[in-house]
Amino acid sequence: MNRFPVRKVAVLGAGNLGLALADYPGFRREGFEIVALFDSADAKIGDESRSGVPIHDIKELKKVLRRERVDIVVLAVPAESAQHVLDQVAGSGVKAVLNFS
C-alpha cells in the first residue's frame, strides 16, 4: 500500500501516447490517478480511454483542472503545440508538469 496521498493527473493530448499514458495501470499502483484527458479534436471530445478516463475539450482545461483538483499535468501534444498548451495551464493551481512532447 502506498503511504503517500493520491496525486491527481491530467494528460493533455488524447493521441496514441496520451491514451497509453492514461491507461497505464502502473500509475495507480504508485499513487497517481489519471482523472482527465484533453484534446482539441472534435471527434475525440466526449469519448473515454479504454480504462474510462474522459476526454475533455482543451477549451475546458482550467475549469476541469480546478474542479478535479489536478496536481500534475502531462503534456503529450506535438512539440509545436507544447508552449501554447502550457500557457493555458498557467494559473490553474497545477504543481508539476511532465513534458512528453
N, C-alpha and C. Protein backbone atom coordinates (compact mmCIF):
# COMPACT_ATOMS: atom_id res chain seq x y z
N MET A 1 0.84 -1.19 0.00
CA MET A 1 0.00 0.00 0.00
C MET A 1 0.87 1.24 0.00
N ASN A 2 0.57 2.17 -0.87
CA ASN A 2 1.31 3.41 -0.97
C ASN A 2 0.97 4.30 0.22
N ARG A 3 1.97 4.83 0.90
CA ARG A 3 1.71 5.65 2.08
C ARG A 3 1.60 7.13 1.77
N PHE A 4 1.79 7.49 0.50
CA PHE A 4 1.67 8.88 0.10
C PHE A 4 0.25 9.14 -0.41
N PRO A 5 -0.20 10.40 -0.33
CA PRO A 5 -1.55 10.70 -0.85
C PRO A 5 -1.61 10.51 -2.36
N VAL A 6 -2.79 10.20 -2.86
CA VAL A 6 -3.00 10.04 -4.29
C VAL A 6 -2.85 11.41 -4.95
N ARG A 7 -2.11 11.45 -6.03
CA ARG A 7 -1.93 12.67 -6.81
C ARG A 7 -2.78 12.56 -8.07
N LYS A 8 -3.58 13.58 -8.30
CA LYS A 8 -4.44 13.60 -9.48
C LYS A 8 -3.68 14.16 -10.67
N VAL A 9 -3.85 13.47 -11.82
CA VAL A 9 -3.09 13.79 -13.02
C VAL A 9 -4.05 13.98 -14.20
N ALA A 10 -3.73 14.96 -15.05
CA ALA A 10 -4.44 15.15 -16.31
C ALA A 10 -3.44 15.01 -17.44
N VAL A 11 -3.84 14.37 -18.52
CA VAL A 11 -3.00 14.19 -19.70
C VAL A 11 -3.54 15.09 -20.80
N LEU A 12 -2.68 15.95 -21.32
CA LEU A 12 -3.06 16.86 -22.40
C LEU A 12 -2.58 16.27 -23.71
N GLY A 13 -3.54 15.84 -24.51
CA GLY A 13 -3.27 15.17 -25.77
C GLY A 13 -3.82 13.76 -25.70
N ALA A 14 -4.85 13.47 -26.49
CA ALA A 14 -5.50 12.15 -26.47
C ALA A 14 -5.17 11.36 -27.73
N GLY A 15 -3.91 11.49 -28.18
CA GLY A 15 -3.42 10.67 -29.28
C GLY A 15 -2.93 9.34 -28.72
N ASN A 16 -2.14 8.64 -29.51
CA ASN A 16 -1.65 7.32 -29.08
C ASN A 16 -0.89 7.38 -27.76
N LEU A 17 0.03 8.34 -27.62
CA LEU A 17 0.82 8.43 -26.40
C LEU A 17 -0.05 8.82 -25.21
N GLY A 18 -0.89 9.83 -25.37
CA GLY A 18 -1.74 10.27 -24.27
C GLY A 18 -2.67 9.18 -23.78
N LEU A 19 -3.27 8.46 -24.71
CA LEU A 19 -4.17 7.36 -24.31
C LEU A 19 -3.40 6.24 -23.63
N ALA A 20 -2.19 5.94 -24.11
CA ALA A 20 -1.39 4.89 -23.48
C ALA A 20 -1.01 5.29 -22.05
N LEU A 21 -0.64 6.54 -21.87
CA LEU A 21 -0.30 7.02 -20.52
C LEU A 21 -1.52 6.97 -19.60
N ALA A 22 -2.66 7.39 -20.10
CA ALA A 22 -3.87 7.42 -19.29
C ALA A 22 -4.30 6.03 -18.84
N ASP A 23 -4.03 5.04 -19.67
CA ASP A 23 -4.48 3.68 -19.37
C ASP A 23 -3.41 2.81 -18.70
N TYR A 24 -2.22 3.35 -18.48
CA TYR A 24 -1.14 2.57 -17.87
C TYR A 24 -1.46 2.26 -16.41
N PRO A 25 -1.61 0.99 -16.04
CA PRO A 25 -2.02 0.64 -14.67
C PRO A 25 -0.96 0.92 -13.61
N GLY A 26 0.28 1.05 -14.00
CA GLY A 26 1.34 1.30 -13.02
C GLY A 26 1.20 2.62 -12.29
N PHE A 27 0.59 3.61 -12.93
CA PHE A 27 0.43 4.90 -12.26
C PHE A 27 -0.42 4.77 -11.00
N ARG A 28 -1.53 4.08 -11.10
CA ARG A 28 -2.41 3.92 -9.95
C ARG A 28 -1.70 3.20 -8.81
N ARG A 29 -0.93 2.18 -9.15
CA ARG A 29 -0.19 1.43 -8.12
C ARG A 29 0.80 2.33 -7.39
N GLU A 30 1.28 3.36 -8.07
CA GLU A 30 2.26 4.27 -7.46
C GLU A 30 1.61 5.52 -6.85
N GLY A 31 0.29 5.57 -6.84
CA GLY A 31 -0.40 6.68 -6.20
C GLY A 31 -0.78 7.83 -7.10
N PHE A 32 -0.83 7.59 -8.42
CA PHE A 32 -1.24 8.62 -9.37
C PHE A 32 -2.55 8.21 -10.01
N GLU A 33 -3.54 9.08 -9.94
CA GLU A 33 -4.85 8.80 -10.54
C GLU A 33 -5.03 9.71 -11.75
N ILE A 34 -5.16 9.11 -12.93
CA ILE A 34 -5.40 9.88 -14.15
C ILE A 34 -6.90 10.21 -14.17
N VAL A 35 -7.23 11.50 -14.03
CA VAL A 35 -8.63 11.89 -13.91
C VAL A 35 -9.21 12.52 -15.16
N ALA A 36 -8.34 12.94 -16.11
CA ALA A 36 -8.86 13.61 -17.30
C ALA A 36 -7.84 13.58 -18.43
N LEU A 37 -8.37 13.51 -19.63
CA LEU A 37 -7.61 13.69 -20.87
C LEU A 37 -8.17 14.93 -21.55
N PHE A 38 -7.34 15.62 -22.33
CA PHE A 38 -7.79 16.80 -23.07
C PHE A 38 -7.31 16.72 -24.51
N ASP A 39 -8.13 17.23 -25.42
CA ASP A 39 -7.74 17.27 -26.82
C ASP A 39 -8.53 18.38 -27.50
N SER A 40 -8.08 18.75 -28.70
CA SER A 40 -8.80 19.77 -29.47
C SER A 40 -9.60 19.17 -30.62
N ALA A 41 -9.43 17.88 -30.87
CA ALA A 41 -10.13 17.21 -31.97
C ALA A 41 -11.57 16.91 -31.59
N ASP A 42 -12.51 17.48 -32.32
CA ASP A 42 -13.93 17.28 -32.03
C ASP A 42 -14.31 15.80 -31.98
N ALA A 43 -13.67 14.98 -32.81
CA ALA A 43 -14.01 13.56 -32.88
C ALA A 43 -13.65 12.81 -31.60
N LYS A 44 -12.74 13.35 -30.80
CA LYS A 44 -12.31 12.68 -29.56
C LYS A 44 -13.05 13.18 -28.32
N ILE A 45 -13.45 14.43 -28.35
CA ILE A 45 -14.08 15.07 -27.19
C ILE A 45 -15.38 14.34 -26.84
N GLY A 46 -15.52 14.01 -25.57
CA GLY A 46 -16.71 13.29 -25.11
C GLY A 46 -16.50 11.79 -25.04
N ASP A 47 -15.44 11.29 -25.66
CA ASP A 47 -15.11 9.87 -25.58
C ASP A 47 -14.35 9.59 -24.28
N GLU A 48 -13.95 8.35 -24.11
CA GLU A 48 -13.16 7.93 -22.96
C GLU A 48 -12.03 7.03 -23.43
N SER A 49 -11.00 6.94 -22.61
CA SER A 49 -9.94 5.97 -22.87
C SER A 49 -10.50 4.57 -22.55
N ARG A 50 -9.74 3.54 -22.86
CA ARG A 50 -10.20 2.17 -22.58
C ARG A 50 -10.50 1.96 -21.10
N SER A 51 -9.76 2.64 -20.23
CA SER A 51 -9.99 2.46 -18.79
C SER A 51 -11.03 3.43 -18.23
N GLY A 52 -11.63 4.25 -19.10
CA GLY A 52 -12.72 5.12 -18.67
C GLY A 52 -12.34 6.55 -18.32
N VAL A 53 -11.15 6.99 -18.68
CA VAL A 53 -10.76 8.38 -18.44
C VAL A 53 -11.43 9.26 -19.48
N PRO A 54 -12.23 10.25 -19.05
CA PRO A 54 -12.95 11.09 -20.00
C PRO A 54 -12.04 12.03 -20.77
N ILE A 55 -12.39 12.26 -22.05
CA ILE A 55 -11.65 13.19 -22.90
C ILE A 55 -12.45 14.49 -23.00
N HIS A 56 -11.83 15.57 -22.52
CA HIS A 56 -12.47 16.88 -22.49
C HIS A 56 -11.91 17.78 -23.59
N ASP A 57 -12.69 18.79 -23.94
CA ASP A 57 -12.24 19.82 -24.87
C ASP A 57 -11.16 20.65 -24.19
N ILE A 58 -10.07 20.92 -24.88
CA ILE A 58 -8.99 21.72 -24.32
C ILE A 58 -9.49 23.10 -23.87
N LYS A 59 -10.58 23.56 -24.45
CA LYS A 59 -11.17 24.84 -24.06
C LYS A 59 -11.69 24.82 -22.63
N GLU A 60 -11.93 23.63 -22.10
CA GLU A 60 -12.44 23.46 -20.74
C GLU A 60 -11.32 23.21 -19.73
N LEU A 61 -10.07 23.36 -20.17
CA LEU A 61 -8.91 22.96 -19.38
C LEU A 61 -8.90 23.53 -17.97
N LYS A 62 -8.89 24.83 -17.83
CA LYS A 62 -8.78 25.43 -16.49
C LYS A 62 -9.94 25.03 -15.59
N LYS A 63 -11.13 25.02 -16.14
CA LYS A 63 -12.30 24.66 -15.35
C LYS A 63 -12.18 23.23 -14.81
N VAL A 64 -11.81 22.29 -15.67
CA VAL A 64 -11.71 20.88 -15.25
C VAL A 64 -10.54 20.68 -14.30
N LEU A 65 -9.39 21.32 -14.58
CA LEU A 65 -8.24 21.18 -13.69
C LEU A 65 -8.59 21.62 -12.27
N ARG A 66 -9.29 22.72 -12.17
CA ARG A 66 -9.68 23.23 -10.83
C ARG A 66 -10.73 22.33 -10.18
N ARG A 67 -11.75 21.94 -10.96
CA ARG A 67 -12.82 21.10 -10.41
C ARG A 67 -12.27 19.77 -9.90
N GLU A 68 -11.36 19.17 -10.66
CA GLU A 68 -10.80 17.86 -10.30
C GLU A 68 -9.62 17.96 -9.34
N ARG A 69 -9.19 19.19 -9.07
CA ARG A 69 -8.04 19.43 -8.19
C ARG A 69 -6.80 18.67 -8.66
N VAL A 70 -6.49 18.87 -9.93
CA VAL A 70 -5.35 18.20 -10.56
C VAL A 70 -4.05 18.76 -10.01
N ASP A 71 -3.14 17.85 -9.63
CA ASP A 71 -1.82 18.22 -9.11
C ASP A 71 -0.76 18.27 -10.21
N ILE A 72 -0.87 17.35 -11.18
CA ILE A 72 0.16 17.16 -12.19
C ILE A 72 -0.47 17.11 -13.58
N VAL A 73 0.16 17.78 -14.53
CA VAL A 73 -0.26 17.73 -15.92
C VAL A 73 0.84 17.05 -16.72
N VAL A 74 0.45 16.16 -17.62
CA VAL A 74 1.38 15.51 -18.53
C VAL A 74 1.09 16.02 -19.94
N LEU A 75 2.10 16.61 -20.57
CA LEU A 75 1.95 17.08 -21.94
C LEU A 75 2.30 15.95 -22.90
N ALA A 76 1.34 15.58 -23.72
CA ALA A 76 1.53 14.55 -24.75
C ALA A 76 0.98 15.09 -26.05
N VAL A 77 1.41 16.31 -26.36
CA VAL A 77 0.97 17.01 -27.57
C VAL A 77 2.17 17.16 -28.50
N PRO A 78 1.92 17.48 -29.78
CA PRO A 78 3.05 17.73 -30.68
C PRO A 78 3.92 18.88 -30.15
N ALA A 79 5.23 18.79 -30.38
CA ALA A 79 6.18 19.77 -29.85
C ALA A 79 5.79 21.21 -30.18
N GLU A 80 5.28 21.42 -31.38
CA GLU A 80 4.93 22.79 -31.79
C GLU A 80 3.73 23.35 -31.02
N SER A 81 2.98 22.51 -30.34
CA SER A 81 1.83 22.94 -29.55
C SER A 81 2.12 23.03 -28.07
N ALA A 82 3.25 22.52 -27.63
CA ALA A 82 3.54 22.40 -26.20
C ALA A 82 3.50 23.73 -25.46
N GLN A 83 4.16 24.76 -25.98
CA GLN A 83 4.20 26.04 -25.27
C GLN A 83 2.82 26.66 -25.16
N HIS A 84 2.05 26.60 -26.23
CA HIS A 84 0.69 27.16 -26.21
C HIS A 84 -0.16 26.45 -25.16
N VAL A 85 -0.08 25.13 -25.10
CA VAL A 85 -0.85 24.36 -24.13
C VAL A 85 -0.36 24.65 -22.72
N LEU A 86 0.94 24.73 -22.54
CA LEU A 86 1.50 25.03 -21.22
C LEU A 86 1.04 26.40 -20.74
N ASP A 87 0.96 27.37 -21.63
CA ASP A 87 0.47 28.69 -21.27
C ASP A 87 -0.95 28.62 -20.72
N GLN A 88 -1.76 27.70 -21.24
CA GLN A 88 -3.13 27.55 -20.76
C GLN A 88 -3.18 26.93 -19.37
N VAL A 89 -2.16 26.16 -19.01
CA VAL A 89 -2.10 25.52 -17.69
C VAL A 89 -1.76 26.54 -16.60
N ALA A 90 -1.00 27.57 -16.98
CA ALA A 90 -0.54 28.58 -16.02
C ALA A 90 -1.72 29.17 -15.25
N GLY A 91 -1.54 29.27 -13.95
CA GLY A 91 -2.57 29.86 -13.10
C GLY A 91 -3.68 28.93 -12.71
N SER A 92 -3.55 27.65 -13.02
CA SER A 92 -4.63 26.70 -12.73
C SER A 92 -4.44 25.97 -11.40
N GLY A 93 -3.30 26.19 -10.73
CA GLY A 93 -3.05 25.52 -9.46
C GLY A 93 -2.28 24.21 -9.59
N VAL A 94 -1.93 23.84 -10.81
CA VAL A 94 -1.15 22.61 -11.04
C VAL A 94 0.25 22.82 -10.44
N LYS A 95 0.75 21.77 -9.78
CA LYS A 95 2.03 21.87 -9.10
C LYS A 95 3.21 21.37 -9.93
N ALA A 96 2.96 20.55 -10.95
CA ALA A 96 4.04 19.98 -11.74
C ALA A 96 3.57 19.68 -13.16
N VAL A 97 4.52 19.74 -14.10
CA VAL A 97 4.24 19.41 -15.49
C VAL A 97 5.30 18.44 -15.97
N LEU A 98 4.88 17.37 -16.59
CA LEU A 98 5.78 16.43 -17.25
C LEU A 98 5.60 16.60 -18.74
N ASN A 99 6.69 16.75 -19.47
CA ASN A 99 6.60 17.02 -20.89
C ASN A 99 7.06 15.83 -21.71
N PHE A 100 6.15 15.23 -22.47
CA PHE A 100 6.46 14.14 -23.38
C PHE A 100 6.35 14.60 -24.84
N SER A 101 6.33 15.91 -25.05
CA SER A 101 6.18 16.47 -26.40
C SER A 101 7.45 16.31 -27.20
